[in-house]
Amino acid sequence: MSETTEDDGIDCRAASHLLSAAQDAALPPDDERRLVEHLGVCSMCRHVQGQLGVLRDAVRQLGSS
């Protein structure tokens, strides 16, 4: 997980931090744009994003039980 693109300027490590931060609150517009651009070219980070969504949904279900 170290893919960097010239367009977005972030690597997978930075993207993972932004994905984590986005679970707690809305990202600043520039960070959101860079993350979306990175996710557009990085299948590994898209996979991580999907897994975070699965975990978030599972925690919500546990909280409502």
C-alpha atoms as a PDB file:
ATOM      1  CA  MET A   1       0.000   0.000   0.000  1.00  0.00           C
ATOM      2  CA  SER A   2       2.217   2.815  -1.188  1.00  0.00           C
ATOM      3  CA  GLU A   3       0.696   3.990  -4.432  1.00  0.00           C
ATOM      4  CA  THR A   4       1.029   7.721  -5.043  1.00  0.00           C
ATOM      5  CA  THR A   5      -0.280   9.634  -8.001  1.00  0.00           C
ATOM      6  CA  GLU A   6       0.884  12.989  -9.289  1.00  0.00           C
ATOM      7  CA  ASP A   7      -2.682  14.264  -9.465  1.00  0.00           C
ATOM      8  CA  ASP A   8      -3.676  13.708  -5.859  1.00  0.00           C
ATOM      9  CA  GLY A   9      -0.332  14.055  -4.130  1.00  0.00           C
ATOM     10  CA  ILE A  10      -1.171  11.571  -1.372  1.00  0.00           C
ATOM     11  CA  ASP A  11       0.015   8.048  -0.847  1.00  0.00           C
ATOM     12  CA  CYS A  12      -1.850   5.120   0.666  1.00  0.00           C
ATOM     13  CA  ARG A  13      -0.664   5.939   4.166  1.00  0.00           C
ATOM     14  CA  ALA A  14      -2.115   9.453   3.962  1.00  0.00           C
ATOM     15  CA  ALA A  15      -5.280   8.063   2.383  1.00  0.00           C
ATOM     16  CA  SER A  16      -5.720   5.585   5.232  1.00  0.00           C
ATOM     17  CA  HIS A  17      -5.420   8.402   7.760  1.00  0.00           C
ATOM     18  CA  LEU A  18      -8.032  10.405   5.857  1.00  0.00           C
ATOM     19  CA  LEU A  19     -10.329   7.379   5.619  1.00  0.00           C
ATOM     20  CA  SER A  20     -10.078   6.932   9.361  1.00  0.00           C
ATOM     21  CA  ALA A  21     -10.689  10.616  10.058  1.00  0.00           C
ATOM     22  CA  ALA A  22     -13.702  10.584   7.742  1.00  0.00           C
ATOM     23  CA  GLN A  23     -15.330   7.949   9.958  1.00  0.00           C
ATOM     24  CA  ASP A  24     -15.508  10.492  12.785  1.00  0.00           C
ATOM     25  CA  ALA A  25     -16.289  13.761  11.016  1.00  0.00           C
ATOM     26  CA  ALA A  26     -16.527  15.426   7.629  1.00  0.00           C
ATOM     27  CA  LEU A  27     -13.163  16.105   6.042  1.00  0.00           C
ATOM     28  CA  PRO A  28     -12.085  19.580   4.972  1.00  0.00           C
ATOM     29  CA  PRO A  29     -12.901  20.038   1.263  1.00  0.00           C
ATOM     30  CA  ASP A  30      -9.263  19.831   0.091  1.00  0.00           C
ATOM     31  CA  ASP A  31      -8.664  16.600   2.015  1.00  0.00           C
ATOM     32  CA  GLU A  32     -11.904  15.110   0.733  1.00  0.00           C
ATOM     33  CA  ARG A  33     -10.962  15.984  -2.863  1.00  0.00           C
ATOM     34  CA  ARG A  34      -7.492  14.454  -2.522  1.00  0.00           C
ATOM     35  CA  LEU A  35      -8.929  11.314  -0.934  1.00  0.00           C
ATOM     36  CA  VAL A  36     -11.573  10.906  -3.647  1.00  0.00           C
ATOM     37  CA  GLU A  37      -8.912  11.351  -6.336  1.00  0.00           C
ATOM     38  CA  HIS A  38      -6.674   8.771  -4.676  1.00  0.00           C
ATOM     39  CA  LEU A  39      -9.543   6.302  -4.300  1.00  0.00           C
ATOM     40  CA  GLY A  40     -10.209   6.729  -8.007  1.00  0.00           C
ATOM     41  CA  VAL A  41      -6.844   5.183  -8.840  1.00  0.00           C
ATOM     42  CA  CYS A  42      -6.073   2.891  -5.895  1.00  0.00           C
ATOM     43  CA  SER A  43      -7.997  -0.361  -5.615  1.00  0.00           C
ATOM     44  CA  MET A  44      -6.308  -1.277  -2.334  1.00  0.00           C
ATOM     45  CA  CYS A  45      -7.533   1.885  -0.629  1.00  0.00           C
ATOM     46  CA  ARG A  46     -11.005   1.386  -2.092  1.00  0.00           C
ATOM     47  CA  HIS A  47     -10.947  -2.063  -0.500  1.00  0.00           C
ATOM     48  CA  VAL A  48      -9.925  -0.543   2.845  1.00  0.00           C
ATOM     49  CA  GLN A  49     -12.752   1.994   2.494  1.00  0.00           C
ATOM     50  CA  GLY A  50     -15.215  -0.849   1.958  1.00  0.00           C
ATOM     51  CA  GLN A  51     -13.912  -2.760   4.955  1.00  0.00           C
ATOM     52  CA  LEU A  52     -14.212   0.320   7.162  1.00  0.00           C
ATOM     53  CA  GLY A  53     -17.816   0.636   6.032  1.00  0.00           C
ATOM     54  CA  VAL A  54     -18.511  -2.990   6.967  1.00  0.00           C
ATOM     55  CA  LEU A  55     -16.986  -2.442  10.411  1.00  0.00           C
ATOM     56  CA  ARG A  56     -18.926   0.800  10.914  1.00  0.00           C
ATOM     57  CA  ASP A  57     -22.192  -0.923  10.016  1.00  0.00           C
ATOM     58  CA  ALA A  58     -21.449  -3.851  12.343  1.00  0.00           C
ATOM     59  CA  VAL A  59     -20.753  -1.499  15.249  1.00  0.00           C
ATOM     60  CA  ARG A  60     -23.995   0.371  14.560  1.00  0.00           C
ATOM     61  CA  GLN A  61     -25.929  -2.898  14.572  1.00  0.00           C
ATOM     62  CA  LEU A  62     -24.356  -3.908  17.880  1.00  0.00           C
ATOM     63  CA  GLY A  63     -25.289  -0.545  19.341  1.00  0.00           C
ATOM     64  CA  SER A  64     -28.923  -0.928  18.335  1.00  0.00           C
ATOM     65  CA  SER A  65     -29.286  -4.482  19.679  1.00  0.00           C
END
